[in-house]
PDB file of N, CA and C in Angstrom:
ATOM      1  N   MET A   1     106.976  -8.273  30.252  1.00  0.00           N
ATOM      2  CA  MET A   1     106.226  -9.116  29.336  1.00  0.00           C
ATOM      3  C   MET A   1     105.611 -10.276  30.105  1.00  0.00           C
ATOM      4  N   GLY A   2     104.321 -10.454  30.031  1.00  0.00           N
ATOM      5  CA  GLY A   2     103.653 -11.509  30.762  1.00  0.00           C
ATOM      6  C   GLY A   2     103.781 -12.852  30.072  1.00  0.00           C
ATOM      7  N   ASN A   3     103.388 -13.912  30.774  1.00  0.00           N
ATOM      8  CA  ASN A   3     103.422 -15.255  30.205  1.00  0.00           C
ATOM      9  C   ASN A   3     102.589 -15.342  28.944  1.00  0.00           C
ATOM     10  N   ASN A   4     101.572 -14.522  28.892  1.00  0.00           N
ATOM     11  CA  ASN A   4     100.658 -14.488  27.763  1.00  0.00           C
ATOM     12  C   ASN A   4     101.386 -14.238  26.442  1.00  0.00           C
ATOM     13  N   ASP A   5     102.495 -13.507  26.508  1.00  0.00           N
ATOM     14  CA  ASP A   5     103.207 -13.126  25.298  1.00  0.00           C
ATOM     15  C   ASP A   5     104.284 -14.137  24.897  1.00  0.00           C
ATOM     16  N   SER A   6     104.673 -15.021  25.816  1.00  0.00           N
ATOM     17  CA  SER A   6     105.786 -15.914  25.525  1.00  0.00           C
ATOM     18  C   SER A   6     105.295 -17.241  24.963  1.00  0.00           C
ATOM     19  N   VAL A   7     104.598 -17.159  23.863  1.00  0.00           N
ATOM     20  CA  VAL A   7     104.093 -18.352  23.177  1.00  0.00           C
ATOM     21  C   VAL A   7     104.714 -18.408  21.792  1.00  0.00           C
ATOM     22  N   ALA A   8     104.771 -19.612  21.233  1.00  0.00           N
ATOM     23  CA  ALA A   8     105.252 -19.742  19.860  1.00  0.00           C
ATOM     24  C   ALA A   8     104.244 -19.052  18.941  1.00  0.00           C
ATOM     25  N   LEU A   9     104.749 -18.224  18.049  1.00  0.00           N
ATOM     26  CA  LEU A   9     103.874 -17.514  17.119  1.00  0.00           C
ATOM     27  C   LEU A   9     103.660 -18.353  15.869  1.00  0.00           C
ATOM     28  N   THR A  10     102.515 -18.161  15.234  1.00  0.00           N
ATOM     29  CA  THR A  10     102.343 -18.766  13.921  1.00  0.00           C
ATOM     30  C   THR A  10     103.254 -18.003  12.962  1.00  0.00           C
ATOM     31  N   GLU A  11     103.570 -18.641  11.870  1.00  0.00           N
ATOM     32  CA  GLU A  11     104.431 -18.002  10.880  1.00  0.00           C
ATOM     33  C   GLU A  11     103.793 -16.701  10.381  1.00  0.00           C
ATOM     34  N   ALA A  12     102.491 -16.732  10.171  1.00  0.00           N
ATOM     35  CA  ALA A  12     101.794 -15.542   9.670  1.00  0.00           C
ATOM     36  C   ALA A  12     101.908 -14.382  10.662  1.00  0.00           C
ATOM     37  N   VAL A  13     101.681 -14.664  11.940  1.00  0.00           N
ATOM     38  CA  VAL A  13     101.749 -13.612  12.964  1.00  0.00           C
ATOM     39  C   VAL A  13     103.170 -13.051  13.055  1.00  0.00           C
ATOM     40  N   TYR A  14     104.151 -13.937  13.016  1.00  0.00           N
ATOM     41  CA  TYR A  14     105.554 -13.496  13.059  1.00  0.00           C
ATOM     42  C   TYR A  14     105.863 -12.581  11.880  1.00  0.00           C
ATOM     43  N   TYR A  15     105.452 -12.982  10.683  1.00  0.00           N
ATOM     44  CA  TYR A  15     105.677 -12.142   9.503  1.00  0.00           C
ATOM     45  C   TYR A  15     104.962 -10.798   9.617  1.00  0.00           C
ATOM     46  N   ILE A  16     103.734 -10.805  10.104  1.00  0.00           N
ATOM     47  CA  ILE A  16     102.987  -9.546  10.245  1.00  0.00           C
ATOM     48  C   ILE A  16     103.736  -8.601  11.191  1.00  0.00           C
ATOM     49  N   LEU A  17     104.218  -9.132  12.319  1.00  0.00           N
ATOM     50  CA  LEU A  17     104.968  -8.288  13.262  1.00  0.00           C
ATOM     51  C   LEU A  17     106.216  -7.709  12.593  1.00  0.00           C
ATOM     52  N   LEU A  18     106.956  -8.535  11.866  1.00  0.00           N
ATOM     53  CA  LEU A  18     108.167  -8.054  11.193  1.00  0.00           C
ATOM     54  C   LEU A  18     107.845  -6.953  10.188  1.00  0.00           C
ATOM     55  N   ILE A  19     106.826  -7.197   9.405  1.00  0.00           N
ATOM     56  CA  ILE A  19     106.454  -6.244   8.350  1.00  0.00           C
ATOM     57  C   ILE A  19     106.015  -4.910   8.953  1.00  0.00           C
ATOM     58  N   LEU A  20     105.370  -4.971  10.121  1.00  0.00           N
ATOM     59  CA  LEU A  20     104.827  -3.744  10.711  1.00  0.00           C
ATOM     60  C   LEU A  20     105.847  -2.933  11.502  1.00  0.00           C
ATOM     61  N   TYR A  21     107.133  -3.234  11.342  1.00  0.00           N
ATOM     62  CA  TYR A  21     108.153  -2.305  11.846  1.00  0.00           C
ATOM     63  C   TYR A  21     108.054  -1.009  11.030  1.00  0.00           C
ATOM     64  N   GLU A  22     107.413  -1.088   9.863  1.00  0.00           N
ATOM     65  CA  GLU A  22     107.069   0.106   9.074  1.00  0.00           C
ATOM     66  C   GLU A  22     105.558   0.096   8.892  1.00  0.00           C
ATOM     67  N   PRO A  23     104.934   1.272   8.888  1.00  0.00           N
ATOM     68  CA  PRO A  23     103.466   1.314   8.741  1.00  0.00           C
ATOM     69  C   PRO A  23     103.025   0.678   7.428  1.00  0.00           C
ATOM     70  N   MET A  24     101.960  -0.106   7.481  1.00  0.00           N
ATOM     71  CA  MET A  24     101.449  -0.725   6.269  1.00  0.00           C
ATOM     72  C   MET A  24      99.981  -1.063   6.429  1.00  0.00           C
ATOM     73  N   HIS A  25      99.255  -1.089   5.313  1.00  0.00           N
ATOM     74  CA  HIS A  25      97.844  -1.455   5.327  1.00  0.00           C
ATOM     75  C   HIS A  25      97.711  -2.947   5.011  1.00  0.00           C
ATOM     76  N   GLY A  26      96.521  -3.470   5.231  1.00  0.00           N
ATOM     77  CA  GLY A  26      96.276  -4.907   5.118  1.00  0.00           C
ATOM     78  C   GLY A  26      96.719  -5.541   3.814  1.00  0.00           C
ATOM     79  N   TYR A  27      96.318  -4.941   2.695  1.00  0.00           N
ATOM     80  CA  TYR A  27      96.671  -5.539   1.409  1.00  0.00           C
ATOM     81  C   TYR A  27      98.187  -5.560   1.215  1.00  0.00           C
ATOM     82  N   GLY A  28      98.842  -4.502   1.651  1.00  0.00           N
ATOM     83  CA  GLY A  28     100.302  -4.427   1.571  1.00  0.00           C
ATOM     84  C   GLY A  28     100.967  -5.511   2.405  1.00  0.00           C
ATOM     85  N   ILE A  29     100.392  -5.785   3.578  1.00  0.00           N
ATOM     86  CA  ILE A  29     100.920  -6.848   4.448  1.00  0.00           C
ATOM     87  C   ILE A  29     100.829  -8.188   3.725  1.00  0.00           C
ATOM     88  N   MET A  30      99.682  -8.467   3.102  1.00  0.00           N
ATOM     89  CA  MET A  30      99.503  -9.722   2.379  1.00  0.00           C
ATOM     90  C   MET A  30     100.546  -9.866   1.270  1.00  0.00           C
ATOM     91  N   GLN A  31     100.769  -8.806   0.519  1.00  0.00           N
ATOM     92  CA  GLN A  31     101.748  -8.833  -0.574  1.00  0.00           C
ATOM     93  C   GLN A  31     103.161  -9.049  -0.046  1.00  0.00           C
ATOM     94  N   LYS A  32     103.498  -8.348   1.024  1.00  0.00           N
ATOM     95  CA  LYS A  32     104.852  -8.400   1.579  1.00  0.00           C
ATOM     96  C   LYS A  32     105.156  -9.787   2.161  1.00  0.00           C
ATOM     97  N   ILE A  33     104.178 -10.415   2.803  1.00  0.00           N
ATOM     98  CA  ILE A  33     104.379 -11.768   3.348  1.00  0.00           C
ATOM     99  C   ILE A  33     104.672 -12.734   2.208  1.00  0.00           C
ATOM    100  N   GLU A  34     103.905 -12.620   1.145  1.00  0.00           N
ATOM    101  CA  GLU A  34     104.118 -13.505  -0.011  1.00  0.00           C
ATOM    102  C   GLU A  34     105.511 -13.280  -0.597  1.00  0.00           C
ATOM    103  N   GLU A  35     105.907 -12.024  -0.666  1.00  0.00           N
ATOM    104  CA  GLU A  35     107.227 -11.665  -1.208  1.00  0.00           C
ATOM    105  C   GLU A  35     108.351 -12.193  -0.307  1.00  0.00           C
ATOM    106  N   LEU A  36     108.256 -11.938   1.011  1.00  0.00           N
ATOM    107  CA  LEU A  36     109.296 -12.367   1.947  1.00  0.00           C
ATOM    108  C   LEU A  36     109.453 -13.883   1.983  1.00  0.00           C
ATOM    109  N   SER A  37     108.342 -14.604   1.822  1.00  0.00           N
ATOM    110  CA  SER A  37     108.382 -16.064   1.908  1.00  0.00           C
ATOM    111  C   SER A  37     108.561 -16.703   0.528  1.00  0.00           C
ATOM    112  N   SER A  38     108.919 -15.912  -0.461  1.00  0.00           N
ATOM    113  CA  SER A  38     109.088 -16.390  -1.841  1.00  0.00           C
ATOM    114  C   SER A  38     107.844 -17.136  -2.332  1.00  0.00           C
ATOM    115  N   GLY A  39     106.669 -16.632  -1.964  1.00  0.00           N
ATOM    116  CA  GLY A  39     105.411 -17.203  -2.438  1.00  0.00           C
ATOM    117  C   GLY A  39     104.913 -18.394  -1.636  1.00  0.00           C
ATOM    118  N   ARG A  40     105.668 -18.832  -0.643  1.00  0.00           N
ATOM    119  CA  ARG A  40     105.301 -20.012   0.143  1.00  0.00           C
ATOM    120  C   ARG A  40     104.129 -19.733   1.083  1.00  0.00           C
ATOM    121  N   VAL A  41     104.099 -18.519   1.669  1.00  0.00           N
ATOM    122  CA  VAL A  41     103.025 -18.161   2.607  1.00  0.00           C
ATOM    123  C   VAL A  41     102.100 -17.160   1.931  1.00  0.00           C
ATOM    124  N   LYS A  42     100.847 -17.577   1.741  1.00  0.00           N
ATOM    125  CA  LYS A  42      99.831 -16.692   1.149  1.00  0.00           C
ATOM    126  C   LYS A  42      98.694 -16.572   2.155  1.00  0.00           C
ATOM    127  N   LEU A  43      98.430 -15.354   2.586  1.00  0.00           N
ATOM    128  CA  LEU A  43      97.377 -15.139   3.576  1.00  0.00           C
ATOM    129  C   LEU A  43      96.085 -14.712   2.914  1.00  0.00           C
ATOM    130  N   ALA A  44      95.014 -15.373   3.272  1.00  0.00           N
ATOM    131  CA  ALA A  44      93.685 -14.923   2.835  1.00  0.00           C
ATOM    132  C   ALA A  44      93.313 -13.707   3.681  1.00  0.00           C
ATOM    133  N   ALA A  45      92.465 -12.851   3.122  1.00  0.00           N
ATOM    134  CA  ALA A  45      92.072 -11.631   3.830  1.00  0.00           C
ATOM    135  C   ALA A  45      91.470 -11.941   5.206  1.00  0.00           C
ATOM    136  N   GLY A  46      90.623 -12.966   5.287  1.00  0.00           N
ATOM    137  CA  GLY A  46      89.996 -13.320   6.557  1.00  0.00           C
ATOM    138  C   GLY A  46      91.017 -13.706   7.620  1.00  0.00           C
ATOM    139  N   THR A  47      92.020 -14.481   7.205  1.00  0.00           N
ATOM    140  CA  THR A  47      93.094 -14.890   8.116  1.00  0.00           C
ATOM    141  C   THR A  47      93.879 -13.680   8.584  1.00  0.00           C
ATOM    142  N   LEU A  48      94.218 -12.811   7.633  1.00  0.00           N
ATOM    143  CA  LEU A  48      94.989 -11.611   7.956  1.00  0.00           C
ATOM    144  C   LEU A  48      94.243 -10.744   8.964  1.00  0.00           C
ATOM    145  N   TYR A  49      92.986 -10.436   8.665  1.00  0.00           N
ATOM    146  CA  TYR A  49      92.264  -9.513   9.545  1.00  0.00           C
ATOM    147  C   TYR A  49      91.915 -10.147  10.886  1.00  0.00           C
ATOM    148  N   GLY A  50      91.760 -11.465  10.927  1.00  0.00           N
ATOM    149  CA  GLY A  50      91.593 -12.162  12.203  1.00  0.00           C
ATOM    150  C   GLY A  50      92.844 -11.995  13.057  1.00  0.00           C
ATOM    151  N   ALA A  51      94.009 -12.192  12.423  1.00  0.00           N
ATOM    152  CA  ALA A  51      95.293 -12.043  13.129  1.00  0.00           C
ATOM    153  C   ALA A  51      95.494 -10.600  13.571  1.00  0.00           C
ATOM    154  N   ILE A  52      95.167  -9.653  12.701  1.00  0.00           N
ATOM    155  CA  ILE A  52      95.314  -8.235  13.037  1.00  0.00           C
ATOM    156  C   ILE A  52      94.454  -7.890  14.257  1.00  0.00           C
ATOM    157  N   ASN A  53      93.205  -8.353  14.267  1.00  0.00           N
ATOM    158  CA  ASN A  53      92.322  -8.047  15.399  1.00  0.00           C
ATOM    159  C   ASN A  53      92.845  -8.644  16.691  1.00  0.00           C
ATOM    160  N   THR A  54      93.364  -9.868  16.626  1.00  0.00           N
ATOM    161  CA  THR A  54      93.945 -10.502  17.814  1.00  0.00           C
ATOM    162  C   THR A  54      95.144  -9.704  18.314  1.00  0.00           C
ATOM    163  N   MET A  55      96.001  -9.282  17.377  1.00  0.00           N
ATOM    164  CA  MET A  55      97.196  -8.536  17.771  1.00  0.00           C
ATOM    165  C   MET A  55      96.855  -7.138  18.281  1.00  0.00           C
ATOM    166  N   LEU A  56      95.814  -6.534  17.758  1.00  0.00           N
ATOM    167  CA  LEU A  56      95.351  -5.241  18.287  1.00  0.00           C
ATOM    168  C   LEU A  56      94.885  -5.429  19.732  1.00  0.00           C
ATOM    169  N   ASP A  57      94.115  -6.500  19.992  1.00  0.00           N
ATOM    170  CA  ASP A  57      93.620  -6.789  21.349  1.00  0.00           C
ATOM    171  C   ASP A  57      94.764  -7.009  22.324  1.00  0.00           C
ATOM    172  N   LYS A  58      95.855  -7.652  21.857  1.00  0.00           N
ATOM    173  CA  LYS A  58      96.999  -7.943  22.723  1.00  0.00           C
ATOM    174  C   LYS A  58      97.968  -6.766  22.823  1.00  0.00           C
ATOM    175  N   ASP A  59      97.679  -5.672  22.097  1.00  0.00           N
ATOM    176  CA  ASP A  59      98.547  -4.496  22.064  1.00  0.00           C
ATOM    177  C   ASP A  59      99.927  -4.810  21.473  1.00  0.00           C
ATOM    178  N   TRP A  60      99.973  -5.722  20.495  1.00  0.00           N
ATOM    179  CA  TRP A  60     101.221  -6.010  19.787  1.00  0.00           C
ATOM    180  C   TRP A  60     101.366  -5.074  18.589  1.00  0.00           C
ATOM    181  N   ILE A  61     100.232  -4.591  18.070  1.00  0.00           N
ATOM    182  CA  ILE A  61     100.225  -3.618  16.971  1.00  0.00           C
ATOM    183  C   ILE A  61      99.168  -2.573  17.298  1.00  0.00           C
ATOM    184  N   GLN A  62      99.224  -1.456  16.573  1.00  0.00           N
ATOM    185  CA  GLN A  62      98.178  -0.445  16.725  1.00  0.00           C
ATOM    186  C   GLN A  62      97.812   0.105  15.358  1.00  0.00           C
ATOM    187  N   ALA A  63      96.581   0.581  15.261  1.00  0.00           N
ATOM    188  CA  ALA A  63      96.128   1.225  14.035  1.00  0.00           C
ATOM    189  C   ALA A  63      96.575   2.675  14.073  1.00  0.00           C
ATOM    190  N   LEU A  64      97.077   3.152  12.966  1.00  0.00           N
ATOM    191  CA  LEU A  64      97.463   4.561  12.884  1.00  0.00           C
ATOM    192  C   LEU A  64      96.233   5.400  12.577  1.00  0.00           C
ATOM    193  N   PRO A  65      96.233   6.665  12.993  1.00  0.00           N
ATOM    194  CA  PRO A  65      95.103   7.540  12.642  1.00  0.00           C
ATOM    195  C   PRO A  65      94.946   7.571  11.125  1.00  0.00           C
ATOM    196  N   GLU A  66      93.697   7.483  10.677  1.00  0.00           N
ATOM    197  CA  GLU A  66      93.462   7.430   9.233  1.00  0.00           C
ATOM    198  C   GLU A  66      93.724   8.777   8.590  1.00  0.00           C
ATOM    199  N   VAL A  67      94.347   8.715   7.423  1.00  0.00           N
ATOM    200  CA  VAL A  67      94.598   9.918   6.633  1.00  0.00           C
ATOM    201  C   VAL A  67      93.385  10.110   5.737  1.00  0.00           C
ATOM    202  N   SER A  68      92.864  11.319   5.686  1.00  0.00           N
ATOM    203  CA  SER A  68      91.612  11.559   4.963  1.00  0.00           C
ATOM    204  C   SER A  68      91.711  11.198   3.479  1.00  0.00           C
ATOM    205  N   SER A  69      92.915  11.288   2.904  1.00  0.00           N
ATOM    206  CA  SER A  69      93.064  11.014   1.482  1.00  0.00           C
ATOM    207  C   SER A  69      93.046   9.511   1.167  1.00  0.00           C
ATOM    208  N   SER A  70      93.148   8.673   2.200  1.00  0.00           N
ATOM    209  CA  SER A  70      93.190   7.230   1.978  1.00  0.00           C
ATOM    210  C   SER A  70      92.137   6.523   2.808  1.00  0.00           C
ATOM    211  N   ARG A  71      91.466   5.533   2.212  1.00  0.00           N
ATOM    212  CA  ARG A  71      90.477   4.757   2.951  1.00  0.00           C
ATOM    213  C   ARG A  71      91.139   3.594   3.670  1.00  0.00           C
ATOM    214  N   LYS A  72      92.387   3.309   3.320  1.00  0.00           N
ATOM    215  CA  LYS A  72      93.073   2.143   3.875  1.00  0.00           C
ATOM    216  C   LYS A  72      93.631   2.438   5.264  1.00  0.00           C
ATOM    217  N   LYS A  73      93.316   1.559   6.202  1.00  0.00           N
ATOM    218  CA  LYS A  73      93.816   1.696   7.561  1.00  0.00           C
ATOM    219  C   LYS A  73      95.226   1.120   7.618  1.00  0.00           C
ATOM    220  N   GLU A  74      96.140   1.860   8.223  1.00  0.00           N
ATOM    221  CA  GLU A  74      97.511   1.388   8.370  1.00  0.00           C
ATOM    222  C   GLU A  74      97.760   0.967   9.811  1.00  0.00           C
ATOM    223  N   TYR A  75      98.662   0.017   9.955  1.00  0.00           N
ATOM    224  CA  TYR A  75      99.014  -0.526  11.269  1.00  0.00           C
ATOM    225  C   TYR A  75     100.511  -0.409  11.467  1.00  0.00           C
ATOM    226  N   ILE A  76     100.933  -0.420  12.737  1.00  0.00           N
ATOM    227  CA  ILE A  76     102.360  -0.401  13.071  1.00  0.00           C
ATOM    228  C   ILE A  76     102.560  -1.207  14.359  1.00  0.00           C
ATOM    229  N   ILE A  77     103.737  -1.784  14.508  1.00  0.00           N
ATOM    230  CA  ILE A  77     104.059  -2.589  15.687  1.00  0.00           C
ATOM    231  C   ILE A  77     104.218  -1.672  16.906  1.00  0.00           C
ATOM    232  N   THR A  78     103.856  -2.191  18.084  1.00  0.00           N
ATOM    233  CA  THR A  78     104.034  -1.450  19.343  1.00  0.00           C
ATOM    234  C   THR A  78     105.319  -1.935  20.022  1.00  0.00           C
ATOM    235  N   GLU A  79     105.706  -1.282  21.108  1.00  0.00           N
ATOM    236  CA  GLU A  79     106.881  -1.732  21.871  1.00  0.00           C
ATOM    237  C   GLU A  79     106.659  -3.159  22.377  1.00  0.00           C
ATOM    238  N   ARG A  80     105.468  -3.433  22.828  1.00  0.00           N
ATOM    239  CA  ARG A  80     105.150  -4.790  23.303  1.00  0.00           C
ATOM    240  C   ARG A  80     105.274  -5.800  22.158  1.00  0.00           C
ATOM    241  N   GLY A  81     104.807  -5.417  20.978  1.00  0.00           N
ATOM    242  CA  GLY A  81     104.925  -6.286  19.813  1.00  0.00           C
ATOM    243  C   GLY A  81     106.381  -6.545  19.451  1.00  0.00           C
ATOM    244  N   LYS A  82     107.221  -5.523  19.612  1.00  0.00           N
ATOM    245  CA  LYS A  82     108.657  -5.690  19.332  1.00  0.00           C
ATOM    246  C   LYS A  82     109.285  -6.687  20.301  1.00  0.00           C
ATOM    247  N   GLN A  83     108.855  -6.668  21.564  1.00  0.00           N
ATOM    248  CA  GLN A  83     109.352  -7.637  22.554  1.00  0.00           C
ATOM    249  C   GLN A  83     108.937  -9.057  22.159  1.00  0.00           C
ATOM    250  N   VAL A  84     107.699  -9.191  21.703  1.00  0.00           N
ATOM    251  CA  VAL A  84     107.185 -10.500  21.284  1.00  0.00           C
ATOM    252  C   VAL A  84     107.971 -11.012  20.076  1.00  0.00           C
ATOM    253  N   ALA A  85     108.202 -10.131  19.096  1.00  0.00           N
ATOM    254  CA  ALA A  85     108.958 -10.521  17.894  1.00  0.00           C
ATOM    255  C   ALA A  85     110.387 -10.913  18.253  1.00  0.00           C
ATOM    256  N   ALA A  86     111.015 -10.175  19.161  1.00  0.00           N
ATOM    257  CA  ALA A  86     112.389 -10.473  19.573  1.00  0.00           C
ATOM    258  C   ALA A  86     112.452 -11.817  20.296  1.00  0.00           C
ATOM    259  N   SER A  87     111.471 -12.105  21.149  1.00  0.00           N
ATOM    260  CA  SER A  87     111.422 -13.398  21.846  1.00  0.00           C
ATOM    261  C   SER A  87     111.262 -14.540  20.855  1.00  0.00           C
ATOM    262  N   GLU A  88     110.434 -14.325  19.850  1.00  0.00           N
ATOM    263  CA  GLU A  88     110.220 -15.364  18.835  1.00  0.00           C
ATOM    264  C   GLU A  88     111.492 -15.589  18.025  1.00  0.00           C
ATOM    265  N   LEU A  89     112.219 -14.538  17.714  1.00  0.00           N
ATOM    266  CA  LEU A  89     113.476 -14.681  16.972  1.00  0.00           C
ATOM    267  C   LEU A  89     114.456 -15.550  17.766  1.00  0.00           C
ATOM    268  N   ILE A  90     114.549 -15.307  19.062  1.00  0.00           N
ATOM    269  CA  ILE A  90     115.439 -16.109  19.920  1.00  0.00           C
ATOM    270  C   ILE A  90     114.988 -17.574  19.931  1.00  0.00           C
ATOM    271  N   ARG A  91     113.676 -17.795  20.021  1.00  0.00           N
ATOM    272  CA  ARG A  91     113.148 -19.163  20.023  1.00  0.00           C
ATOM    273  C   ARG A  91     113.478 -19.871  18.703  1.00  0.00           C
ATOM    274  N   LEU A  92     113.304 -19.165  17.595  1.00  0.00           N
ATOM    275  CA  LEU A  92     113.580 -19.751  16.275  1.00  0.00           C
ATOM    276  C   LEU A  92     115.070 -20.039  16.109  1.00  0.00           C
ATOM    277  N   GLN A  93     115.914 -19.151  16.608  1.00  0.00           N
ATOM    278  CA  GLN A  93     117.361 -19.367  16.521  1.00  0.00           C
ATOM    279  C   GLN A  93     117.752 -20.626  17.296  1.00  0.00           C
ATOM    280  N   GLU A  94     117.127 -20.827  18.451  1.00  0.00           N
ATOM    281  CA  GLU A  94     117.399 -22.025  19.243  1.00  0.00           C
ATOM    282  C   GLU A  94     116.984 -23.281  18.471  1.00  0.00           C
ATOM    283  N   LEU A  95     115.837 -23.236  17.823  1.00  0.00           N
ATOM    284  CA  LEU A  95     115.374 -24.368  17.019  1.00  0.00           C
ATOM    285  C   LEU A  95     116.380 -24.692  15.917  1.00  0.00           C
ATOM    286  N   VAL A  96     116.848 -23.653  15.224  1.00  0.00           N
ATOM    287  CA  VAL A  96     117.807 -23.851  14.132  1.00  0.00           C
ATOM    288  C   VAL A  96     119.125 -24.411  14.660  1.00  0.00           C
ATOM    289  N   LEU A  97     119.641 -23.832  15.737  1.00  0.00           N
ATOM    290  CA  LEU A  97     120.911 -24.307  16.312  1.00  0.00           C
ATOM    291  C   LEU A  97     120.821 -25.775  16.719  1.00  0.00           C
ATOM    292  N   ASN A  98     119.725 -26.151  17.385  1.00  0.00           N
ATOM    293  CA  ASN A  98     119.559 -27.536  17.799  1.00  0.00           C
ATOM    294  C   ASN A  98     119.435 -28.468  16.599  1.00  0.00           C
ATOM    295  N   GLY A  99     118.737 -28.020  15.578  1.00  0.00           N
ATOM    296  CA  GLY A  99     118.602 -28.811  14.363  1.00  0.00           C
ATOM    297  C   GLY A  99     119.930 -28.994  13.663  1.00  0.00           C
ATOM    298  N   GLU A 100     120.698 -27.926  13.570  1.00  0.00           N
ATOM    299  CA  GLU A 100     122.014 -28.001  12.922  1.00  0.00           C
ATOM    300  C   GLU A 100     122.936 -28.926  13.703  1.00  0.00           C
ATOM    301  N   GLU A 101     122.859 -28.861  15.026  1.00  0.00           N
ATOM    302  CA  GLU A 101     123.706 -29.691  15.870  1.00  0.00           C
ATOM    303  C   GLU A 101     123.415 -31.181  15.643  1.00  0.00           C
ATOM    304  N   ILE A 102     122.137 -31.510  15.532  1.00  0.00           N
ATOM    305  CA  ILE A 102     121.753 -32.916  15.404  1.00  0.00           C
ATOM    306  C   ILE A 102     121.794 -33.378  13.942  1.00  0.00           C
ATOM    307  N   ILE A 103     121.141 -32.659  13.060  1.00  0.00           N
ATOM    308  CA  ILE A 103     121.082 -33.071  11.652  1.00  0.00           C
ATOM    309  C   ILE A 103     122.425 -32.841  10.981  1.00  0.00           C
ATOM    310  N   GLY A 104     123.030 -31.694  11.289  1.00  0.00           N
ATOM    311  CA  GLY A 104     124.308 -31.355  10.675  1.00  0.00           C
ATOM    312  C   GLY A 104     125.452 -32.245  11.124  1.00  0.00           C
ATOM    313  N   GLY A 105     125.272 -32.915  12.250  1.00  0.00           N
ATOM    314  CA  GLY A 105     126.318 -33.767  12.793  1.00  0.00           C
ATOM    315  C   GLY A 105     126.362 -35.159  12.201  1.00  0.00           C
ATOM    316  N   GLU A 106     125.424 -35.467  11.307  1.00  0.00           N
ATOM    317  CA  GLU A 106     125.364 -36.819  10.722  1.00  0.00           C
ATOM    318  C   GLU A 106     126.449 -37.027   9.693  1.00  0.00           C
TER     319      GLU A 106
END
């Protein structure tokens, strides 16, 4: 994994990577993010597809071959994307642990 991948992810990008451990199309991703975040994170279509295009360029996700019966393009996480998501999980855990140590110690 290059330095390029070891950056803090936006919440939206992190959620998209998590959701794409199973194949899903754009609208489904938007719904699932809203559901997972209890309505706190709502992605506009432009934001979603901008993020998807960036992640496709970085090889964090890939588009699945289109099924003729559906017009909706589905995406899935790549091995590289899984490494990025795992690194972000470790970073977030460190943030929480440090916060608990300082705030929780009051």
